[in-house]
Amino acid sequence: MSQSEWNKKGCEKCRNGWLSGNSPPEISVSEERWGTLHKCEYCGTFWEAFLSNADIADSETIKKYYPDAHGKYFSS
């Protein structure tokens, strides 16, 4: 991913958090995807993290793999 693509994701605080090892708070776990879902406290962006990377998570991914979080943060 290019730097310009990265700079368009979330906000400066959550991007810097990922880069510094201080990621947004974890809100759910998917054993199926071996991933964790995080939500930025500042901009509200949902991030999905894996062993070596993190990226923005859309509502369909959250609904499918993190149903507990989807029920809490999205209206059906």
N, C-alpha and C. Protein backbone atom coordinates (compact mmCIF):
# COMPACT_ATOMS: atom_id res chain seq x y z
N MET A 1 0.85 -1.17 0.00
CA MET A 1 0.00 0.00 0.00
C MET A 1 0.90 1.24 0.00
N SER A 2 0.54 2.19 -0.83
CA SER A 2 1.34 3.41 -0.90
C SER A 2 1.04 4.30 0.31
N GLN A 3 1.93 5.23 0.56
CA GLN A 3 1.77 6.16 1.67
C GLN A 3 0.51 7.00 1.48
N SER A 4 0.20 7.40 0.23
CA SER A 4 -0.98 8.22 -0.01
C SER A 4 -2.26 7.43 0.29
N GLU A 5 -2.29 6.14 -0.02
CA GLU A 5 -3.45 5.32 0.32
C GLU A 5 -3.60 5.22 1.84
N TRP A 6 -2.50 4.98 2.53
CA TRP A 6 -2.52 4.88 3.99
C TRP A 6 -3.03 6.17 4.62
N ASN A 7 -2.61 7.31 4.08
CA ASN A 7 -2.99 8.62 4.63
C ASN A 7 -4.47 8.94 4.47
N LYS A 8 -5.19 8.18 3.66
CA LYS A 8 -6.62 8.39 3.46
C LYS A 8 -7.47 7.53 4.39
N LYS A 9 -6.84 6.70 5.19
CA LYS A 9 -7.57 5.77 6.07
C LYS A 9 -7.63 6.31 7.49
N GLY A 10 -8.82 6.26 8.07
CA GLY A 10 -8.98 6.70 9.46
C GLY A 10 -8.57 8.15 9.64
N CYS A 11 -8.01 8.42 10.81
CA CYS A 11 -7.51 9.76 11.12
C CYS A 11 -6.03 9.66 11.49
N GLU A 12 -5.40 10.79 11.65
CA GLU A 12 -3.98 10.80 11.98
C GLU A 12 -3.70 10.06 13.30
N LYS A 13 -4.60 10.20 14.27
CA LYS A 13 -4.38 9.56 15.57
C LYS A 13 -4.41 8.03 15.45
N CYS A 14 -5.38 7.48 14.74
CA CYS A 14 -5.43 6.01 14.66
C CYS A 14 -4.32 5.47 13.75
N ARG A 15 -4.00 6.17 12.65
CA ARG A 15 -2.89 5.72 11.80
C ARG A 15 -1.59 5.72 12.59
N ASN A 16 -1.33 6.80 13.32
CA ASN A 16 -0.10 6.87 14.12
C ASN A 16 -0.10 5.81 15.22
N GLY A 17 -1.28 5.52 15.75
CA GLY A 17 -1.38 4.47 16.77
C GLY A 17 -0.93 3.12 16.22
N TRP A 18 -1.40 2.78 15.01
CA TRP A 18 -0.97 1.52 14.41
C TRP A 18 0.53 1.49 14.21
N LEU A 19 1.08 2.59 13.74
CA LEU A 19 2.52 2.63 13.46
C LEU A 19 3.37 2.59 14.71
N SER A 20 2.83 3.06 15.82
CA SER A 20 3.62 3.12 17.06
C SER A 20 3.34 1.94 18.00
N GLY A 21 2.45 1.03 17.60
CA GLY A 21 2.12 -0.11 18.45
C GLY A 21 1.05 0.21 19.48
N ASN A 22 0.37 1.32 19.31
CA ASN A 22 -0.70 1.73 20.23
C ASN A 22 -2.01 1.81 19.44
N SER A 23 -2.47 0.65 18.99
CA SER A 23 -3.64 0.59 18.12
C SER A 23 -4.92 1.04 18.82
N PRO A 24 -5.94 1.38 18.03
CA PRO A 24 -7.24 1.69 18.64
C PRO A 24 -7.74 0.51 19.46
N PRO A 25 -8.64 0.74 20.39
CA PRO A 25 -9.12 -0.33 21.27
C PRO A 25 -9.75 -1.50 20.49
N GLU A 26 -9.43 -2.70 20.94
CA GLU A 26 -10.00 -3.92 20.36
C GLU A 26 -11.44 -4.07 20.86
N ILE A 27 -12.37 -4.34 19.93
CA ILE A 27 -13.77 -4.49 20.32
C ILE A 27 -14.33 -5.86 20.02
N SER A 28 -13.62 -6.68 19.22
CA SER A 28 -14.14 -8.01 18.90
C SER A 28 -13.02 -8.86 18.32
N VAL A 29 -13.24 -10.19 18.32
CA VAL A 29 -12.27 -11.15 17.80
C VAL A 29 -12.97 -12.10 16.84
N SER A 30 -12.30 -12.42 15.74
CA SER A 30 -12.80 -13.43 14.80
C SER A 30 -11.80 -14.58 14.73
N GLU A 31 -12.18 -15.70 15.31
CA GLU A 31 -11.31 -16.87 15.24
C GLU A 31 -11.23 -17.38 13.81
N GLU A 32 -12.33 -17.26 13.08
CA GLU A 32 -12.37 -17.73 11.69
C GLU A 32 -11.34 -16.99 10.82
N ARG A 33 -11.21 -15.69 11.02
CA ARG A 33 -10.28 -14.89 10.21
C ARG A 33 -8.93 -14.67 10.90
N TRP A 34 -8.82 -15.14 12.13
CA TRP A 34 -7.61 -14.89 12.92
C TRP A 34 -7.35 -13.40 12.97
N GLY A 35 -8.42 -12.65 13.23
CA GLY A 35 -8.32 -11.20 13.23
C GLY A 35 -8.99 -10.59 14.44
N THR A 36 -8.71 -9.34 14.63
CA THR A 36 -9.36 -8.56 15.69
C THR A 36 -9.93 -7.30 15.08
N LEU A 37 -11.03 -6.85 15.64
CA LEU A 37 -11.68 -5.63 15.17
C LEU A 37 -11.41 -4.53 16.18
N HIS A 38 -11.07 -3.37 15.69
CA HIS A 38 -10.74 -2.23 16.52
C HIS A 38 -11.57 -1.03 16.07
N LYS A 39 -11.82 -0.10 16.99
CA LYS A 39 -12.57 1.11 16.65
C LYS A 39 -11.85 2.32 17.21
N CYS A 40 -11.55 3.28 16.34
CA CYS A 40 -10.86 4.50 16.76
C CYS A 40 -11.79 5.33 17.65
N GLU A 41 -11.27 5.76 18.77
CA GLU A 41 -12.04 6.59 19.71
C GLU A 41 -12.22 8.02 19.21
N TYR A 42 -11.41 8.43 18.24
CA TYR A 42 -11.44 9.81 17.77
C TYR A 42 -12.30 9.99 16.53
N CYS A 43 -12.11 9.13 15.52
CA CYS A 43 -12.84 9.32 14.26
C CYS A 43 -13.92 8.25 14.02
N GLY A 44 -13.91 7.18 14.84
CA GLY A 44 -14.93 6.14 14.72
C GLY A 44 -14.66 5.10 13.64
N THR A 45 -13.49 5.14 13.01
CA THR A 45 -13.15 4.17 11.97
C THR A 45 -12.98 2.79 12.57
N PHE A 46 -13.52 1.78 11.87
CA PHE A 46 -13.34 0.38 12.26
C PHE A 46 -12.14 -0.17 11.49
N TRP A 47 -11.26 -0.83 12.21
CA TRP A 47 -10.06 -1.44 11.64
C TRP A 47 -10.08 -2.93 11.92
N GLU A 48 -9.63 -3.71 10.95
CA GLU A 48 -9.45 -5.14 11.16
C GLU A 48 -7.95 -5.41 11.15
N ALA A 49 -7.47 -6.07 12.19
CA ALA A 49 -6.04 -6.33 12.33
C ALA A 49 -5.77 -7.82 12.24
N PHE A 50 -4.66 -8.13 11.58
CA PHE A 50 -4.18 -9.50 11.46
C PHE A 50 -2.77 -9.56 12.03
N LEU A 51 -2.08 -10.66 11.87
CA LEU A 51 -0.75 -10.80 12.46
C LEU A 51 0.23 -9.73 11.98
N SER A 52 0.17 -9.36 10.71
CA SER A 52 1.18 -8.44 10.20
C SER A 52 0.65 -7.17 9.56
N ASN A 53 -0.66 -6.95 9.60
CA ASN A 53 -1.19 -5.73 9.00
C ASN A 53 -2.56 -5.38 9.56
N ALA A 54 -3.00 -4.18 9.23
CA ALA A 54 -4.33 -3.71 9.62
C ALA A 54 -4.88 -2.88 8.47
N ASP A 55 -6.20 -2.93 8.32
CA ASP A 55 -6.85 -2.15 7.28
C ASP A 55 -8.27 -1.82 7.71
N ILE A 56 -8.89 -0.90 7.01
CA ILE A 56 -10.26 -0.50 7.29
C ILE A 56 -11.19 -1.68 7.10
N ALA A 57 -12.16 -1.83 7.99
CA ALA A 57 -13.17 -2.89 7.88
C ALA A 57 -14.51 -2.26 7.52
N ASP A 58 -15.17 -2.82 6.51
CA ASP A 58 -16.48 -2.30 6.12
C ASP A 58 -17.59 -3.03 6.88
N SER A 59 -18.80 -2.51 6.79
CA SER A 59 -19.90 -3.05 7.59
C SER A 59 -20.24 -4.49 7.22
N GLU A 60 -20.08 -4.87 5.96
CA GLU A 60 -20.37 -6.26 5.55
C GLU A 60 -19.38 -7.24 6.19
N THR A 61 -18.12 -6.87 6.21
CA THR A 61 -17.10 -7.72 6.86
C THR A 61 -17.39 -7.83 8.35
N ILE A 62 -17.73 -6.71 8.96
CA ILE A 62 -18.03 -6.71 10.40
C ILE A 62 -19.27 -7.57 10.67
N LYS A 63 -20.29 -7.43 9.84
CA LYS A 63 -21.52 -8.22 10.01
C LYS A 63 -21.24 -9.71 9.92
N LYS A 64 -20.41 -10.10 8.96
CA LYS A 64 -20.14 -11.52 8.72
C LYS A 64 -19.20 -12.14 9.77
N TYR A 65 -18.14 -11.44 10.12
CA TYR A 65 -17.10 -12.03 10.96
C TYR A 65 -17.08 -11.53 12.41
N TYR A 66 -17.76 -10.42 12.67
CA TYR A 66 -17.80 -9.86 14.02
C TYR A 66 -19.24 -9.49 14.37
N PRO A 67 -20.15 -10.48 14.37
CA PRO A 67 -21.58 -10.17 14.55
C PRO A 67 -21.90 -9.48 15.88
N ASP A 68 -21.15 -9.76 16.92
CA ASP A 68 -21.40 -9.10 18.20
C ASP A 68 -21.16 -7.60 18.08
N ALA A 69 -20.08 -7.21 17.42
CA ALA A 69 -19.78 -5.80 17.24
C ALA A 69 -20.78 -5.16 16.28
N HIS A 70 -21.16 -5.90 15.25
CA HIS A 70 -22.13 -5.34 14.29
C HIS A 70 -23.44 -5.02 15.01
N GLY A 71 -23.89 -5.93 15.85
CA GLY A 71 -25.11 -5.69 16.60
C GLY A 71 -25.02 -4.51 17.54
N LYS A 72 -23.84 -4.25 18.04
CA LYS A 72 -23.64 -3.15 18.99
C LYS A 72 -23.49 -1.80 18.30
N TYR A 73 -22.82 -1.75 17.16
CA TYR A 73 -22.46 -0.48 16.54
C TYR A 73 -23.27 -0.12 15.29
N PHE A 74 -24.03 -1.06 14.75
CA PHE A 74 -24.80 -0.80 13.54
C PHE A 74 -26.26 -1.17 13.78
N SER A 75 -27.16 -0.39 13.23
CA SER A 75 -28.57 -0.75 13.34
C SER A 75 -28.91 -1.67 12.17
N SER A 76 -29.66 -2.71 12.44
CA SER A 76 -29.97 -3.70 11.41
C SER A 76 -30.99 -3.25 10.44
